[in-house]
Amino acid sequence: MTSWRVSDGAGSRIDEIYRYSLDTWGEDQAKAYIEGLFARFAAIAARRFPWRAIPAEFGVDGYVCRYEKHLIYWKVLEDGAVGIVTVLHERMHQIERFSDDFGG
């Protein structure tokens, strides 16, 4: 199994997701959603989940896949690990938020 790491930007997004879920649906649901998200990261790293290349208009080399209402953007790091770059809600303006997190 390949390892995975969460960038600082993605970590902030995950914190936001947790706080929103906690405030909206309670602690049990917030915890379950974040655990599911982390399980998806592990599945990506193990290449057990399908993904697609990030669209060319984003201007970066990486991949994207879905977890429930969120899109996970990631890239392969120099050491072969999966780097989770950002996690964005499907209703967010993807290119605008994405470039901030990818450093573009």
PDB file of N, CA and C in Angstrom:
ATOM      1  N   MET A   1       0.838  -1.178   0.000  1.00  0.00           N
ATOM      2  CA  MET A   1       0.000   0.000   0.000  1.00  0.00           C
ATOM      3  C   MET A   1       0.890   1.251   0.000  1.00  0.00           C
ATOM      4  N   THR A   2       0.599   2.162  -0.872  1.00  0.00           N
ATOM      5  CA  THR A   2       1.315   3.427  -0.939  1.00  0.00           C
ATOM      6  C   THR A   2       0.800   4.362   0.150  1.00  0.00           C
ATOM      7  N   SER A   3       1.687   5.169   0.672  1.00  0.00           N
ATOM      8  CA  SER A   3       1.267   6.093   1.727  1.00  0.00           C
ATOM      9  C   SER A   3       0.606   7.342   1.135  1.00  0.00           C
ATOM     10  N   TRP A   4      -0.007   8.103   2.001  1.00  0.00           N
ATOM     11  CA  TRP A   4      -0.633   9.358   1.591  1.00  0.00           C
ATOM     12  C   TRP A   4      -0.405  10.401   2.668  1.00  0.00           C
ATOM     13  N   ARG A   5      -0.366  11.667   2.207  1.00  0.00           N
ATOM     14  CA  ARG A   5      -0.177  12.791   3.114  1.00  0.00           C
ATOM     15  C   ARG A   5      -1.146  13.898   2.733  1.00  0.00           C
ATOM     16  N   VAL A   6      -1.588  14.617   3.735  1.00  0.00           N
ATOM     17  CA  VAL A   6      -2.530  15.723   3.543  1.00  0.00           C
ATOM     18  C   VAL A   6      -1.746  17.033   3.618  1.00  0.00           C
ATOM     19  N   SER A   7      -1.883  17.875   2.600  1.00  0.00           N
ATOM     20  CA  SER A   7      -1.222  19.181   2.604  1.00  0.00           C
ATOM     21  C   SER A   7      -1.866  20.084   3.650  1.00  0.00           C
ATOM     22  N   ASP A   8      -1.189  21.155   3.994  1.00  0.00           N
ATOM     23  CA  ASP A   8      -1.743  22.109   4.957  1.00  0.00           C
ATOM     24  C   ASP A   8      -3.078  22.672   4.466  1.00  0.00           C
ATOM     25  N   GLY A   9      -3.135  23.007   3.174  1.00  0.00           N
ATOM     26  CA  GLY A   9      -4.379  23.541   2.608  1.00  0.00           C
ATOM     27  C   GLY A   9      -5.527  22.548   2.698  1.00  0.00           C
ATOM     28  N   ALA A  10      -5.238  21.290   2.374  1.00  0.00           N
ATOM     29  CA  ALA A  10      -6.275  20.252   2.465  1.00  0.00           C
ATOM     30  C   ALA A  10      -6.673  20.037   3.918  1.00  0.00           C
ATOM     31  N   GLY A  11      -5.702  20.110   4.824  1.00  0.00           N
ATOM     32  CA  GLY A  11      -6.007  19.960   6.246  1.00  0.00           C
ATOM     33  C   GLY A  11      -6.982  21.025   6.719  1.00  0.00           C
ATOM     34  N   SER A  12      -6.791  22.243   6.248  1.00  0.00           N
ATOM     35  CA  SER A  12      -7.713  23.331   6.598  1.00  0.00           C
ATOM     36  C   SER A  12      -9.107  23.076   6.051  1.00  0.00           C
ATOM     37  N   ARG A  13      -9.167  22.576   4.818  1.00  0.00           N
ATOM     38  CA  ARG A  13     -10.473  22.259   4.212  1.00  0.00           C
ATOM     39  C   ARG A  13     -11.165  21.140   5.001  1.00  0.00           C
ATOM     40  N   ILE A  14     -10.411  20.140   5.421  1.00  0.00           N
ATOM     41  CA  ILE A  14     -10.987  19.028   6.189  1.00  0.00           C
ATOM     42  C   ILE A  14     -11.507  19.535   7.529  1.00  0.00           C
ATOM     43  N   ASP A  15     -10.768  20.433   8.165  1.00  0.00           N
ATOM     44  CA  ASP A  15     -11.245  21.046   9.410  1.00  0.00           C
ATOM     45  C   ASP A  15     -12.569  21.772   9.187  1.00  0.00           C
ATOM     46  N   GLU A  16     -12.675  22.514   8.071  1.00  0.00           N
ATOM     47  CA  GLU A  16     -13.915  23.226   7.744  1.00  0.00           C
ATOM     48  C   GLU A  16     -15.070  22.248   7.552  1.00  0.00           C
ATOM     49  N   ILE A  17     -14.793  21.150   6.858  1.00  0.00           N
ATOM     50  CA  ILE A  17     -15.829  20.129   6.622  1.00  0.00           C
ATOM     51  C   ILE A  17     -16.304  19.561   7.950  1.00  0.00           C
ATOM     52  N   TYR A  18     -15.352  19.261   8.837  1.00  0.00           N
ATOM     53  CA  TYR A  18     -15.718  18.710  10.136  1.00  0.00           C
ATOM     54  C   TYR A  18     -16.581  19.697  10.927  1.00  0.00           C
ATOM     55  N   ARG A  19     -16.146  20.953  11.010  1.00  0.00           N
ATOM     56  CA  ARG A  19     -16.909  21.951  11.777  1.00  0.00           C
ATOM     57  C   ARG A  19     -18.316  22.147  11.209  1.00  0.00           C
ATOM     58  N   TYR A  20     -18.412  22.213   9.880  1.00  0.00           N
ATOM     59  CA  TYR A  20     -19.732  22.373   9.256  1.00  0.00           C
ATOM     60  C   TYR A  20     -20.610  21.159   9.570  1.00  0.00           C
ATOM     61  N   SER A  21     -20.050  19.971   9.415  1.00  0.00           N
ATOM     62  CA  SER A  21     -20.817  18.747   9.686  1.00  0.00           C
ATOM     63  C   SER A  21     -21.234  18.669  11.145  1.00  0.00           C
ATOM     64  N   LEU A  22     -20.333  19.033  12.042  1.00  0.00           N
ATOM     65  CA  LEU A  22     -20.629  19.030  13.477  1.00  0.00           C
ATOM     66  C   LEU A  22     -21.775  19.987  13.791  1.00  0.00           C
ATOM     67  N   ASP A  23     -21.693  21.205  13.260  1.00  0.00           N
ATOM     68  CA  ASP A  23     -22.727  22.212  13.517  1.00  0.00           C
ATOM     69  C   ASP A  23     -24.062  21.843  12.881  1.00  0.00           C
ATOM     70  N   THR A  24     -24.021  21.172  11.738  1.00  0.00           N
ATOM     71  CA  THR A  24     -25.239  20.874  10.982  1.00  0.00           C
ATOM     72  C   THR A  24     -25.876  19.545  11.369  1.00  0.00           C
ATOM     73  N   TRP A  25     -25.047  18.503  11.540  1.00  0.00           N
ATOM     74  CA  TRP A  25     -25.587  17.160  11.750  1.00  0.00           C
ATOM     75  C   TRP A  25     -25.145  16.485  13.039  1.00  0.00           C
ATOM     76  N   GLY A  26     -24.265  17.100  13.788  1.00  0.00           N
ATOM     77  CA  GLY A  26     -23.859  16.514  15.066  1.00  0.00           C
ATOM     78  C   GLY A  26     -22.549  15.750  14.998  1.00  0.00           C
ATOM     79  N   GLU A  27     -22.066  15.407  16.182  1.00  0.00           N
ATOM     80  CA  GLU A  27     -20.737  14.804  16.316  1.00  0.00           C
ATOM     81  C   GLU A  27     -20.609  13.442  15.639  1.00  0.00           C
ATOM     82  N   ASP A  28     -21.598  12.582  15.796  1.00  0.00           N
ATOM     83  CA  ASP A  28     -21.504  11.240  15.201  1.00  0.00           C
ATOM     84  C   ASP A  28     -21.381  11.314  13.686  1.00  0.00           C
ATOM     85  N   GLN A  29     -22.218  12.141  13.059  1.00  0.00           N
ATOM     86  CA  GLN A  29     -22.178  12.257  11.602  1.00  0.00           C
ATOM     87  C   GLN A  29     -20.886  12.923  11.135  1.00  0.00           C
ATOM     88  N   ALA A  30     -20.436  13.941  11.855  1.00  0.00           N
ATOM     89  CA  ALA A  30     -19.191  14.627  11.491  1.00  0.00           C
ATOM     90  C   ALA A  30     -18.020  13.649  11.533  1.00  0.00           C
ATOM     91  N   LYS A  31     -17.946  12.871  12.595  1.00  0.00           N
ATOM     92  CA  LYS A  31     -16.873  11.895  12.750  1.00  0.00           C
ATOM     93  C   LYS A  31     -16.944  10.832  11.651  1.00  0.00           C
ATOM     94  N   ALA A  32     -18.130  10.333  11.366  1.00  0.00           N
ATOM     95  CA  ALA A  32     -18.305   9.307  10.334  1.00  0.00           C
ATOM     96  C   ALA A  32     -17.892   9.836   8.961  1.00  0.00           C
ATOM     97  N   TYR A  33     -18.240  11.083   8.663  1.00  0.00           N
ATOM     98  CA  TYR A  33     -17.906  11.652   7.352  1.00  0.00           C
ATOM     99  C   TYR A  33     -16.391  11.785   7.200  1.00  0.00           C
ATOM    100  N   ILE A  34     -15.718  12.295   8.221  1.00  0.00           N
ATOM    101  CA  ILE A  34     -14.266  12.470   8.156  1.00  0.00           C
ATOM    102  C   ILE A  34     -13.565  11.109   8.088  1.00  0.00           C
ATOM    103  N   GLU A  35     -14.050  10.138   8.849  1.00  0.00           N
ATOM    104  CA  GLU A  35     -13.468   8.793   8.771  1.00  0.00           C
ATOM    105  C   GLU A  35     -13.636   8.214   7.369  1.00  0.00           C
ATOM    106  N   GLY A  36     -14.789   8.435   6.763  1.00  0.00           N
ATOM    107  CA  GLY A  36     -15.021   7.972   5.395  1.00  0.00           C
ATOM    108  C   GLY A  36     -14.103   8.669   4.402  1.00  0.00           C
ATOM    109  N   LEU A  37     -13.891   9.948   4.605  1.00  0.00           N
ATOM    110  CA  LEU A  37     -12.998  10.721   3.747  1.00  0.00           C
ATOM    111  C   LEU A  37     -11.568  10.164   3.838  1.00  0.00           C
ATOM    112  N   PHE A  38     -11.105   9.898   5.061  1.00  0.00           N
ATOM    113  CA  PHE A  38      -9.766   9.346   5.233  1.00  0.00           C
ATOM    114  C   PHE A  38      -9.660   7.929   4.665  1.00  0.00           C
ATOM    115  N   ALA A  39     -10.722   7.160   4.757  1.00  0.00           N
ATOM    116  CA  ALA A  39     -10.729   5.828   4.144  1.00  0.00           C
ATOM    117  C   ALA A  39     -10.600   5.944   2.627  1.00  0.00           C
ATOM    118  N   ARG A  40     -11.218   6.982   2.050  1.00  0.00           N
ATOM    119  CA  ARG A  40     -11.099   7.211   0.604  1.00  0.00           C
ATOM    120  C   ARG A  40      -9.661   7.577   0.246  1.00  0.00           C
ATOM    121  N   PHE A  41      -8.988   8.394   1.082  1.00  0.00           N
ATOM    122  CA  PHE A  41      -7.575   8.730   0.839  1.00  0.00           C
ATOM    123  C   PHE A  41      -6.743   7.444   0.776  1.00  0.00           C
ATOM    124  N   ALA A  42      -6.976   6.535   1.725  1.00  0.00           N
ATOM    125  CA  ALA A  42      -6.236   5.270   1.758  1.00  0.00           C
ATOM    126  C   ALA A  42      -6.539   4.429   0.516  1.00  0.00           C
ATOM    127  N   ALA A  43      -7.785   4.426   0.079  1.00  0.00           N
ATOM    128  CA  ALA A  43      -8.160   3.672  -1.119  1.00  0.00           C
ATOM    129  C   ALA A  43      -7.490   4.254  -2.363  1.00  0.00           C
ATOM    130  N   ILE A  44      -7.390   5.585  -2.428  1.00  0.00           N
ATOM    131  CA  ILE A  44      -6.691   6.226  -3.551  1.00  0.00           C
ATOM    132  C   ILE A  44      -5.227   5.793  -3.540  1.00  0.00           C
ATOM    133  N   ALA A  45      -4.591   5.885  -2.373  1.00  0.00           N
ATOM    134  CA  ALA A  45      -3.174   5.541  -2.263  1.00  0.00           C
ATOM    135  C   ALA A  45      -2.917   4.082  -2.633  1.00  0.00           C
ATOM    136  N   ALA A  46      -3.854   3.212  -2.302  1.00  0.00           N
ATOM    137  CA  ALA A  46      -3.720   1.785  -2.617  1.00  0.00           C
ATOM    138  C   ALA A  46      -4.183   1.465  -4.039  1.00  0.00           C
ATOM    139  N   ARG A  47      -4.615   2.499  -4.757  1.00  0.00           N
ATOM    140  CA  ARG A  47      -5.110   2.362  -6.142  1.00  0.00           C
ATOM    141  C   ARG A  47      -6.318   1.429  -6.219  1.00  0.00           C
ATOM    142  N   ARG A  48      -7.162   1.497  -5.174  1.00  0.00           N
ATOM    143  CA  ARG A  48      -8.381   0.685  -5.125  1.00  0.00           C
ATOM    144  C   ARG A  48      -9.619   1.486  -5.493  1.00  0.00           C
ATOM    145  N   PHE A  49      -9.432   2.726  -5.924  1.00  0.00           N
ATOM    146  CA  PHE A  49     -10.582   3.562  -6.243  1.00  0.00           C
ATOM    147  C   PHE A  49     -10.297   4.300  -7.542  1.00  0.00           C
ATOM    148  N   PRO A  50     -11.265   4.351  -8.458  1.00  0.00           N
ATOM    149  CA  PRO A  50     -11.014   5.022  -9.740  1.00  0.00           C
ATOM    150  C   PRO A  50     -10.902   6.546  -9.587  1.00  0.00           C
ATOM    151  N   TRP A  51     -10.084   7.145 -10.420  1.00  0.00           N
ATOM    152  CA  TRP A  51      -9.905   8.585 -10.447  1.00  0.00           C
ATOM    153  C   TRP A  51      -9.706   9.006 -11.890  1.00  0.00           C
ATOM    154  N   ARG A  52      -9.705  10.315 -12.120  1.00  0.00           N
ATOM    155  CA  ARG A  52      -9.445  10.834 -13.455  1.00  0.00           C
ATOM    156  C   ARG A  52      -8.475  12.001 -13.346  1.00  0.00           C
ATOM    157  N   ALA A  53      -7.834  12.307 -14.460  1.00  0.00           N
ATOM    158  CA  ALA A  53      -6.907  13.438 -14.486  1.00  0.00           C
ATOM    159  C   ALA A  53      -7.681  14.727 -14.267  1.00  0.00           C
ATOM    160  N   ILE A  54      -7.047  15.687 -13.610  1.00  0.00           N
ATOM    161  CA  ILE A  54      -7.657  17.003 -13.413  1.00  0.00           C
ATOM    162  C   ILE A  54      -7.795  17.649 -14.793  1.00  0.00           C
ATOM    163  N   PRO A  55      -8.936  18.264 -15.095  1.00  0.00           N
ATOM    164  CA  PRO A  55      -9.125  18.895 -16.408  1.00  0.00           C
ATOM    165  C   PRO A  55      -8.006  19.891 -16.739  1.00  0.00           C
ATOM    166  N   ALA A  56      -7.643  19.946 -18.014  1.00  0.00           N
ATOM    167  CA  ALA A  56      -6.529  20.778 -18.480  1.00  0.00           C
ATOM    168  C   ALA A  56      -6.690  22.250 -18.119  1.00  0.00           C
ATOM    169  N   GLU A  57      -7.938  22.748 -18.072  1.00  0.00           N
ATOM    170  CA  GLU A  57      -8.143  24.171 -17.780  1.00  0.00           C
ATOM    171  C   GLU A  57      -7.706  24.559 -16.359  1.00  0.00           C
ATOM    172  N   PHE A  58      -7.482  23.580 -15.505  1.00  0.00           N
ATOM    173  CA  PHE A  58      -6.993  23.874 -14.165  1.00  0.00           C
ATOM    174  C   PHE A  58      -5.496  24.189 -14.182  1.00  0.00           C
ATOM    175  N   GLY A  59      -4.800  23.734 -15.212  1.00  0.00           N
ATOM    176  CA  GLY A  59      -3.396  24.068 -15.379  1.00  0.00           C
ATOM    177  C   GLY A  59      -2.430  23.382 -14.431  1.00  0.00           C
ATOM    178  N   VAL A  60      -2.791  22.231 -13.887  1.00  0.00           N
ATOM    179  CA  VAL A  60      -1.892  21.488 -12.991  1.00  0.00           C
ATOM    180  C   VAL A  60      -1.933  20.006 -13.334  1.00  0.00           C
ATOM    181  N   ASP A  61      -0.904  19.319 -12.890  1.00  0.00           N
ATOM    182  CA  ASP A  61      -0.829  17.881 -13.100  1.00  0.00           C
ATOM    183  C   ASP A  61      -1.298  17.185 -11.831  1.00  0.00           C
ATOM    184  N   GLY A  62      -2.407  16.487 -11.904  1.00  0.00           N
ATOM    185  CA  GLY A  62      -2.944  15.800 -10.741  1.00  0.00           C
ATOM    186  C   GLY A  62      -4.194  15.036 -11.100  1.00  0.00           C
ATOM    187  N   TYR A  63      -4.887  14.579 -10.070  1.00  0.00           N
ATOM    188  CA  TYR A  63      -6.049  13.711 -10.261  1.00  0.00           C
ATOM    189  C   TYR A  63      -7.187  14.146  -9.354  1.00  0.00           C
ATOM    190  N   VAL A  64      -8.371  13.672  -9.676  1.00  0.00           N
ATOM    191  CA  VAL A  64      -9.554  14.007  -8.889  1.00  0.00           C
ATOM    192  C   VAL A  64     -10.455  12.786  -8.789  1.00  0.00           C
ATOM    193  N   CYS A  65     -11.113  12.659  -7.652  1.00  0.00           N
ATOM    194  CA  CYS A  65     -12.167  11.668  -7.488  1.00  0.00           C
ATOM    195  C   CYS A  65     -13.182  12.224  -6.492  1.00  0.00           C
ATOM    196  N   ARG A  66     -14.303  11.587  -6.403  1.00  0.00           N
ATOM    197  CA  ARG A  66     -15.401  12.064  -5.564  1.00  0.00           C
ATOM    198  C   ARG A  66     -15.502  11.241  -4.284  1.00  0.00           C
ATOM    199  N   TYR A  67     -15.880  11.944  -3.213  1.00  0.00           N
ATOM    200  CA  TYR A  67     -16.326  11.275  -1.994  1.00  0.00           C
ATOM    201  C   TYR A  67     -17.614  11.969  -1.577  1.00  0.00           C
ATOM    202  N   GLU A  68     -18.718  11.305  -1.731  1.00  0.00           N
ATOM    203  CA  GLU A  68     -20.040  11.836  -1.436  1.00  0.00           C
ATOM    204  C   GLU A  68     -20.220  13.216  -2.074  1.00  0.00           C
ATOM    205  N   LYS A  69     -20.272  14.293  -1.287  1.00  0.00           N
ATOM    206  CA  LYS A  69     -20.514  15.632  -1.838  1.00  0.00           C
ATOM    207  C   LYS A  69     -19.235  16.436  -2.070  1.00  0.00           C
ATOM    208  N   HIS A  70     -18.080  15.781  -1.933  1.00  0.00           N
ATOM    209  CA  HIS A  70     -16.800  16.486  -2.069  1.00  0.00           C
ATOM    210  C   HIS A  70     -15.947  15.887  -3.185  1.00  0.00           C
ATOM    211  N   LEU A  71     -15.101  16.731  -3.748  1.00  0.00           N
ATOM    212  CA  LEU A  71     -14.131  16.306  -4.744  1.00  0.00           C
ATOM    213  C   LEU A  71     -12.753  16.355  -4.088  1.00  0.00           C
ATOM    214  N   ILE A  72     -12.015  15.269  -4.226  1.00  0.00           N
ATOM    215  CA  ILE A  72     -10.673  15.161  -3.660  1.00  0.00           C
ATOM    216  C   ILE A  72      -9.681  15.360  -4.802  1.00  0.00           C
ATOM    217  N   TYR A  73      -8.803  16.339  -4.650  1.00  0.00           N
ATOM    218  CA  TYR A  73      -7.758  16.605  -5.634  1.00  0.00           C
ATOM    219  C   TYR A  73      -6.434  16.160  -5.041  1.00  0.00           C
ATOM    220  N   TRP A  74      -5.668  15.405  -5.820  1.00  0.00           N
ATOM    221  CA  TRP A  74      -4.415  14.869  -5.323  1.00  0.00           C
ATOM    222  C   TRP A  74      -3.392  14.735  -6.433  1.00  0.00           C
ATOM    223  N   LYS A  75      -2.144  14.542  -6.030  1.00  0.00           N
ATOM    224  CA  LYS A  75      -1.069  14.322  -6.995  1.00  0.00           C
ATOM    225  C   LYS A  75      -0.089  13.304  -6.413  1.00  0.00           C
ATOM    226  N   VAL A  76       0.728  12.754  -7.289  1.00  0.00           N
ATOM    227  CA  VAL A  76       1.762  11.826  -6.858  1.00  0.00           C
ATOM    228  C   VAL A  76       2.987  12.660  -6.489  1.00  0.00           C
ATOM    229  N   LEU A  77       3.480  12.459  -5.287  1.00  0.00           N
ATOM    230  CA  LEU A  77       4.649  13.188  -4.801  1.00  0.00           C
ATOM    231  C   LEU A  77       5.934  12.518  -5.289  1.00  0.00           C
ATOM    232  N   GLU A  78       7.045  13.203  -5.142  1.00  0.00           N
ATOM    233  CA  GLU A  78       8.329  12.688  -5.631  1.00  0.00           C
ATOM    234  C   GLU A  78       8.679  11.314  -5.069  1.00  0.00           C
ATOM    235  N   ASP A  79       8.282  11.049  -3.832  1.00  0.00           N
ATOM    236  CA  ASP A  79       8.602   9.755  -3.221  1.00  0.00           C
ATOM    237  C   ASP A  79       7.569   8.670  -3.546  1.00  0.00           C
ATOM    238  N   GLY A  80       6.595   9.005  -4.423  1.00  0.00           N
ATOM    239  CA  GLY A  80       5.579   8.038  -4.827  1.00  0.00           C
ATOM    240  C   GLY A  80       4.330   8.048  -3.971  1.00  0.00           C
ATOM    241  N   ALA A  81       4.359   8.779  -2.864  1.00  0.00           N
ATOM    242  CA  ALA A  81       3.171   8.884  -2.002  1.00  0.00           C
ATOM    243  C   ALA A  81       2.106   9.734  -2.689  1.00  0.00           C
ATOM    244  N   VAL A  82       0.889   9.567  -2.242  1.00  0.00           N
ATOM    245  CA  VAL A  82      -0.216  10.388  -2.719  1.00  0.00           C
ATOM    246  C   VAL A  82      -0.289  11.631  -1.834  1.00  0.00           C
ATOM    247  N   GLY A  83      -0.286  12.787  -2.459  1.00  0.00           N
ATOM    248  CA  GLY A  83      -0.422  14.052  -1.728  1.00  0.00           C
ATOM    249  C   GLY A  83      -1.813  14.602  -1.926  1.00  0.00           C
ATOM    250  N   ILE A  84      -2.615  14.617  -0.872  1.00  0.00           N
ATOM    251  CA  ILE A  84      -3.961  15.179  -0.946  1.00  0.00           C
ATOM    252  C   ILE A  84      -3.795  16.690  -0.922  1.00  0.00           C
ATOM    253  N   VAL A  85      -4.143  17.340  -2.017  1.00  0.00           N
ATOM    254  CA  VAL A  85      -3.900  18.775  -2.161  1.00  0.00           C
ATOM    255  C   VAL A  85      -5.068  19.591  -1.626  1.00  0.00           C
ATOM    256  N   THR A  86      -6.277  19.176  -1.959  1.00  0.00           N
ATOM    257  CA  THR A  86      -7.441  19.887  -1.440  1.00  0.00           C
ATOM    258  C   THR A  86      -8.669  18.999  -1.529  1.00  0.00           C
ATOM    259  N   VAL A  87      -9.684  19.374  -0.771  1.00  0.00           N
ATOM    260  CA  VAL A  87     -10.976  18.691  -0.774  1.00  0.00           C
ATOM    261  C   VAL A  87     -12.018  19.802  -0.850  1.00  0.00           C
ATOM    262  N   LEU A  88     -12.787  19.814  -1.936  1.00  0.00           N
ATOM    263  CA  LEU A  88     -13.744  20.894  -2.161  1.00  0.00           C
ATOM    264  C   LEU A  88     -15.156  20.355  -2.314  1.00  0.00           C
ATOM    265  N   HIS A  89     -16.117  21.079  -1.772  1.00  0.00           N
ATOM    266  CA  HIS A  89     -17.519  20.697  -1.933  1.00  0.00           C
ATOM    267  C   HIS A  89     -17.903  20.857  -3.393  1.00  0.00           C
ATOM    268  N   GLU A  90     -18.774  19.991  -3.869  1.00  0.00           N
ATOM    269  CA  GLU A  90     -19.158  20.001  -5.283  1.00  0.00           C
ATOM    270  C   GLU A  90     -19.791  21.323  -5.715  1.00  0.00           C
ATOM    271  N   ARG A  91     -20.355  22.085  -4.793  1.00  0.00           N
ATOM    272  CA  ARG A  91     -20.992  23.356  -5.151  1.00  0.00           C
ATOM    273  C   ARG A  91     -20.031  24.542  -5.174  1.00  0.00           C
ATOM    274  N   MET A  92     -18.801  24.344  -4.691  1.00  0.00           N
ATOM    275  CA  MET A  92     -17.816  25.431  -4.703  1.00  0.00           C
ATOM    276  C   MET A  92     -17.341  25.684  -6.128  1.00  0.00           C
ATOM    277  N   HIS A  93     -16.915  26.907  -6.395  1.00  0.00           N
ATOM    278  CA  HIS A  93     -16.290  27.219  -7.679  1.00  0.00           C
ATOM    279  C   HIS A  93     -14.919  26.554  -7.674  1.00  0.00           C
ATOM    280  N   GLN A  94     -14.799  25.452  -8.382  1.00  0.00           N
ATOM    281  CA  GLN A  94     -13.624  24.594  -8.278  1.00  0.00           C
ATOM    282  C   GLN A  94     -12.318  25.283  -8.700  1.00  0.00           C
ATOM    283  N   ILE A  95     -12.280  25.903  -9.862  1.00  0.00           N
ATOM    284  CA  ILE A  95     -11.023  26.456 -10.371  1.00  0.00           C
ATOM    285  C   ILE A  95     -10.495  27.543  -9.441  1.00  0.00           C
ATOM    286  N   GLU A  96     -11.361  28.417  -8.980  1.00  0.00           N
ATOM    287  CA  GLU A  96     -10.943  29.520  -8.108  1.00  0.00           C
ATOM    288  C   GLU A  96     -10.338  28.995  -6.801  1.00  0.00           C
ATOM    289  N   ARG A  97     -11.032  28.109  -6.107  1.00  0.00           N
ATOM    290  CA  ARG A  97     -10.550  27.572  -4.824  1.00  0.00           C
ATOM    291  C   ARG A  97      -9.357  26.656  -5.023  1.00  0.00           C
ATOM    292  N   PHE A  98      -9.425  25.913  -6.093  1.00  0.00           N
ATOM    293  CA  PHE A  98      -8.404  24.931  -6.408  1.00  0.00           C
ATOM    294  C   PHE A  98      -7.049  25.600  -6.611  1.00  0.00           C
ATOM    295  N   SER A  99      -7.001  26.711  -7.384  1.00  0.00           N
ATOM    296  CA  SER A  99      -5.716  27.353  -7.627  1.00  0.00           C
ATOM    297  C   SER A  99      -5.082  27.867  -6.356  1.00  0.00           C
ATOM    298  N   ASP A 100      -5.883  28.313  -5.401  1.00  0.00           N
ATOM    299  CA  ASP A 100      -5.330  28.737  -4.104  1.00  0.00           C
ATOM    300  C   ASP A 100      -4.631  27.560  -3.414  1.00  0.00           C
ATOM    301  N   ASP A 101      -5.287  26.416  -3.395  1.00  0.00           N
ATOM    302  CA  ASP A 101      -4.761  25.255  -2.682  1.00  0.00           C
ATOM    303  C   ASP A 101      -3.593  24.590  -3.414  1.00  0.00           C
ATOM    304  N   PHE A 102      -3.598  24.646  -4.757  1.00  0.00           N
ATOM    305  CA  PHE A 102      -2.520  24.029  -5.525  1.00  0.00           C
ATOM    306  C   PHE A 102      -1.335  24.985  -5.655  1.00  0.00           C
ATOM    307  N   GLY A 103      -1.497  26.202  -5.139  1.00  0.00           N
ATOM    308  CA  GLY A 103      -0.390  27.164  -5.203  1.00  0.00           C
ATOM    309  C   GLY A 103      -0.284  27.854  -6.533  1.00  0.00           C
ATOM    310  N   GLY A 104      -1.405  27.927  -7.258  1.00  0.00           N
ATOM    311  CA  GLY A 104      -1.370  28.525  -8.586  1.00  0.00           C
ATOM    312  C   GLY A 104      -1.746  29.959  -8.620  1.00  0.00           C
TER     313      GLY A 104
END
